[in-house]
Protein backbone atom coordinates (compact mmCIF):
# COMPACT_ATOMS: atom_id res chain seq x y z
CA MET A 1 23.74 38.85 -59.02
CA LYS A 2 26.88 37.95 -57.14
CA MET A 3 25.58 38.12 -53.58
CA PHE A 4 27.46 36.03 -51.05
CA PHE A 5 30.13 35.02 -53.54
CA LYS A 6 33.85 35.59 -53.29
CA ASN A 7 35.44 38.65 -54.77
CA ARG A 8 35.57 38.27 -58.56
CA PRO A 9 37.99 40.77 -60.06
CA GLY A 10 37.03 41.85 -63.52
CA HIS A 11 33.28 41.46 -63.01
CA ILE A 12 31.73 44.82 -63.87
CA CYS A 13 28.24 45.72 -62.67
CA SER A 14 26.18 46.98 -65.60
CA TRP A 15 25.22 50.64 -65.62
CA ARG A 16 21.62 49.44 -66.00
CA SER A 17 21.78 47.97 -62.48
CA GLN A 18 22.84 51.33 -61.08
CA TRP A 19 19.26 52.03 -59.98
CA THR A 20 19.94 49.60 -57.14
CA LEU A 21 22.80 51.83 -56.02
CA ASN A 22 21.25 55.19 -56.89
CA ASN A 23 17.97 55.29 -55.01
CA PRO A 24 16.51 57.01 -51.92
CA ILE A 25 17.15 54.00 -49.66
CA ARG A 26 20.81 53.87 -50.70
CA LEU A 27 21.12 57.57 -49.98
CA LEU A 28 19.80 56.92 -46.46
CA LEU A 29 22.30 54.08 -45.92
CA HIS A 30 25.23 55.91 -47.52
CA PRO A 31 24.49 59.64 -47.40
CA PRO A 32 27.22 61.24 -49.53
CA ASP A 33 27.18 64.51 -47.58
CA THR A 34 27.70 62.76 -44.25
CA ILE A 35 30.36 60.37 -45.53
CA LEU A 36 32.34 62.93 -47.54
CA ALA A 37 31.89 66.25 -45.68
CA PRO A 38 34.98 65.78 -43.50
CA PHE A 39 37.15 65.28 -46.59
CA VAL A 40 35.75 67.19 -49.57
CA LYS A 41 36.01 70.99 -49.36
CA PRO A 42 35.36 73.97 -51.65
CA GLY A 43 38.04 74.49 -54.28
CA MET A 44 39.26 70.89 -54.27
CA THR A 45 39.79 68.68 -57.27
CA VAL A 46 38.29 65.27 -56.53
CA ILE A 47 38.07 62.02 -58.45
CA ASP A 48 35.15 59.58 -58.27
CA THR A 49 36.43 56.28 -59.72
CA GLY A 50 33.87 53.76 -60.84
CA CYS A 51 31.31 56.51 -60.38
CA GLY A 52 28.43 54.65 -62.00
CA THR A 53 25.55 57.03 -62.63
CA GLY A 54 26.73 59.59 -60.09
CA ALA A 55 25.41 58.78 -56.60
CA PHE A 56 28.50 60.46 -55.14
CA THR A 57 29.57 62.58 -58.14
CA ILE A 58 26.69 65.05 -57.98
CA PRO A 59 26.91 65.64 -54.19
CA MET A 60 30.70 66.07 -54.47
CA ALA A 61 30.16 68.68 -57.20
CA HIS A 62 28.06 70.68 -54.74
CA MET A 63 30.72 70.25 -52.05
CA VAL A 64 33.66 71.48 -54.15
CA GLY A 65 31.82 74.68 -55.00
CA GLU A 66 32.33 77.08 -57.89
CA THR A 67 36.12 76.79 -57.87
CA GLY A 68 36.33 73.02 -57.49
CA LYS A 69 36.21 70.16 -59.96
CA VAL A 70 34.94 66.57 -59.92
CA LEU A 71 36.35 64.04 -62.34
CA ALA A 72 33.82 61.22 -62.80
CA VAL A 73 35.71 58.15 -64.02
CA GLU A 74 33.74 55.19 -65.38
CA LEU A 75 34.16 52.29 -67.78
CA GLN A 76 30.62 52.46 -69.16
CA ALA A 77 29.81 55.35 -71.50
CA GLU A 78 26.09 54.99 -70.78
CA ALA A 79 26.65 55.70 -67.08
CA LEU A 80 28.73 58.78 -67.93
CA ALA A 81 25.94 60.00 -70.20
CA ARG A 82 23.53 59.76 -67.23
CA ILE A 83 25.91 61.85 -65.11
CA GLU A 84 26.14 64.46 -67.85
CA GLU A 85 22.32 64.63 -67.96
CA LYS A 86 22.14 65.05 -64.18
CA ALA A 87 24.86 67.70 -64.24
CA GLU A 88 22.93 69.62 -66.89
CA ARG A 89 19.68 69.42 -64.89
CA THR A 90 21.38 70.58 -61.69
CA GLY A 91 23.53 73.31 -63.25
CA LEU A 92 26.79 71.54 -62.39
CA THR A 93 28.26 70.95 -65.85
CA ARG A 94 31.17 73.34 -65.24
CA ARG A 95 32.18 71.44 -62.10
CA ILE A 96 31.98 67.87 -63.47
CA GLU A 97 34.19 66.32 -66.10
CA THR A 98 33.40 62.79 -67.25
CA TRP A 99 36.26 60.46 -68.12
CA LYS A 100 35.82 57.08 -69.81
CA CYS A 101 38.45 54.59 -68.72
CA GLU A 102 39.35 51.06 -69.77
CA ALA A 103 38.79 47.97 -67.62
CA GLU A 104 42.45 46.94 -67.57
CA ASP A 105 43.85 50.38 -66.71
CA ILE A 106 42.08 53.48 -65.44
CA GLY A 107 44.81 55.46 -67.19
CA PRO A 108 46.75 58.50 -66.07
CA LEU A 109 44.45 60.95 -64.31
CA PRO A 110 44.86 64.63 -63.43
CA SER A 111 46.24 65.58 -60.04
CA ALA A 112 43.64 65.46 -57.24
CA ASP A 113 43.26 66.39 -53.59
CA PHE A 114 40.84 63.55 -52.85
CA ALA A 115 39.73 60.35 -54.59
CA LEU A 116 36.83 58.03 -53.93
CA SER A 117 36.67 54.30 -54.57
CA PHE A 118 33.23 53.34 -53.31
CA TYR A 119 32.10 49.74 -53.87
CA MET A 120 34.16 49.33 -57.03
CA ALA A 121 37.76 48.26 -56.39
CA HIS A 122 36.73 44.60 -56.17
CA GLU A 123 35.66 44.82 -59.84
CA VAL A 124 39.08 45.92 -61.08
CA PRO A 125 40.96 43.17 -62.96
CA ASP A 126 44.38 44.23 -61.61
CA ILE A 127 44.17 45.98 -58.24
CA GLN A 128 47.87 46.83 -58.22
CA VAL A 129 47.57 48.75 -61.50
CA TYR A 130 44.51 50.55 -60.11
CA PHE A 131 46.18 51.65 -56.87
CA THR A 132 49.38 52.59 -58.72
CA ARG A 133 47.33 54.93 -60.93
CA MET A 134 45.61 56.36 -57.86
CA ALA A 135 48.99 56.95 -56.19
CA GLU A 136 50.11 58.80 -59.32
CA CYS A 137 47.15 61.19 -59.30
CA VAL A 138 46.43 61.79 -55.60
CA LYS A 139 48.69 64.61 -54.41
CA PRO A 140 51.10 63.91 -51.54
CA GLY A 141 49.06 64.40 -48.38
CA GLY A 142 45.84 63.84 -50.37
CA LEU A 143 43.30 61.21 -49.41
CA LEU A 144 41.72 58.15 -51.00
CA LEU A 145 38.58 56.75 -49.41
CA LEU A 146 38.26 53.04 -50.13
CA ALA A 147 34.95 51.37 -49.27
CA GLU A 148 33.85 47.86 -50.22
CA PRO A 149 30.64 45.89 -49.65
CA PRO A 150 31.14 43.00 -47.21
CA ILE A 151 28.54 41.02 -49.15
CA HIS A 152 31.00 40.88 -52.08
CA VAL A 153 34.37 41.42 -50.41
CA SER A 154 35.55 39.40 -47.41
CA GLN A 155 37.53 41.05 -44.64
CA LYS A 156 40.59 39.12 -45.82
CA ALA A 157 40.17 40.34 -49.42
CA PHE A 158 39.68 43.91 -48.18
CA LYS A 159 42.90 43.71 -46.17
CA ARG A 160 44.70 42.55 -49.34
CA GLU A 161 43.35 45.60 -51.18
CA VAL A 162 44.54 47.92 -48.41
CA HIS A 163 47.98 46.28 -48.34
CA THR A 164 48.25 46.71 -52.10
CA ALA A 165 47.50 50.43 -51.69
CA LEU A 166 50.11 50.68 -48.94
CA ASP A 167 52.70 49.00 -51.17
CA VAL A 168 52.31 51.65 -53.92
CA GLY A 169 52.48 54.81 -51.81
CA PHE A 170 49.56 55.20 -49.45
CA ALA A 171 49.48 55.08 -45.65
CA LEU A 172 46.49 53.95 -43.63
CA GLU A 173 45.00 56.96 -41.84
CA THR A 174 41.85 55.53 -40.30
CA ALA A 175 38.93 53.16 -40.80
CA PRO A 176 35.94 55.49 -41.07
CA PRO A 177 32.63 53.98 -39.98
CA ILE A 178 30.48 53.51 -43.08
CA ARG A 179 27.36 51.35 -42.78
CA PHE A 180 27.51 47.92 -44.39
CA SER A 181 31.07 48.53 -45.57
CA HIS A 182 34.69 47.75 -45.09
CA ALA A 183 36.34 51.17 -45.24
CA ALA A 184 39.82 52.67 -45.12
CA MET A 185 41.00 56.25 -45.42
CA LEU A 186 44.34 56.19 -47.19
CA LYS A 187 46.78 59.11 -47.27
CA ARG A 188 49.23 59.60 -50.12
CA THR A 189 52.74 59.64 -48.72
C-alpha cells in the first residue's frame, strides 16, 4: 500500500484491490450520480479512463441513456472482464464498450463529450502523453474531470498535473468540491 508516500508514476493498483474502491462506503464518499450528474447527460459519449472494475462506468452508462455510450478504458484485462459481467447483469452491454490500453500510452480514443480521470492520473508513467491523448479525444468544449487522492498526490503534484493538461489544450473551468480529493474540471479549448 502506498499511503502517505509521494506520487509514484507508473505504479498501477492491481484490479484485485478494486474492492477497496468499489464498495458501499466508497459510494457514500464518492457518489457517482452526485459527482457526475451536472456533466453527464443522455446521448453523450463519455470515457472513463483507468476505470478499474467500474465504480463510475456503470452509473455513467445509466446517465447516458439508450442513445449514449461509455468507453471504459483500463490497463488490466481482468478489471475489464468484471465490467463486462456487471454490464451483462444490469442490461447495459449495448451502452458500454471496454477498451484495453497500454501503460505507456492510452492510445488514440474515439471522440467524446466528457472524460473522467478519477484517482488514476498519478499512476500514469508519462502524464504529458496521457493528457495529450485526452486532448485528442475530448471534443472542443468538452470536459475532463480530474480527481486525485490527497493521500497519494500532494497539492503541488496535482497542480503540476493540471498545468500539464493546460499545456496540451485544456482550460481550467472550476475546482468542483469532491470529498477527500483534489479536483479540477478541465474544458477542451
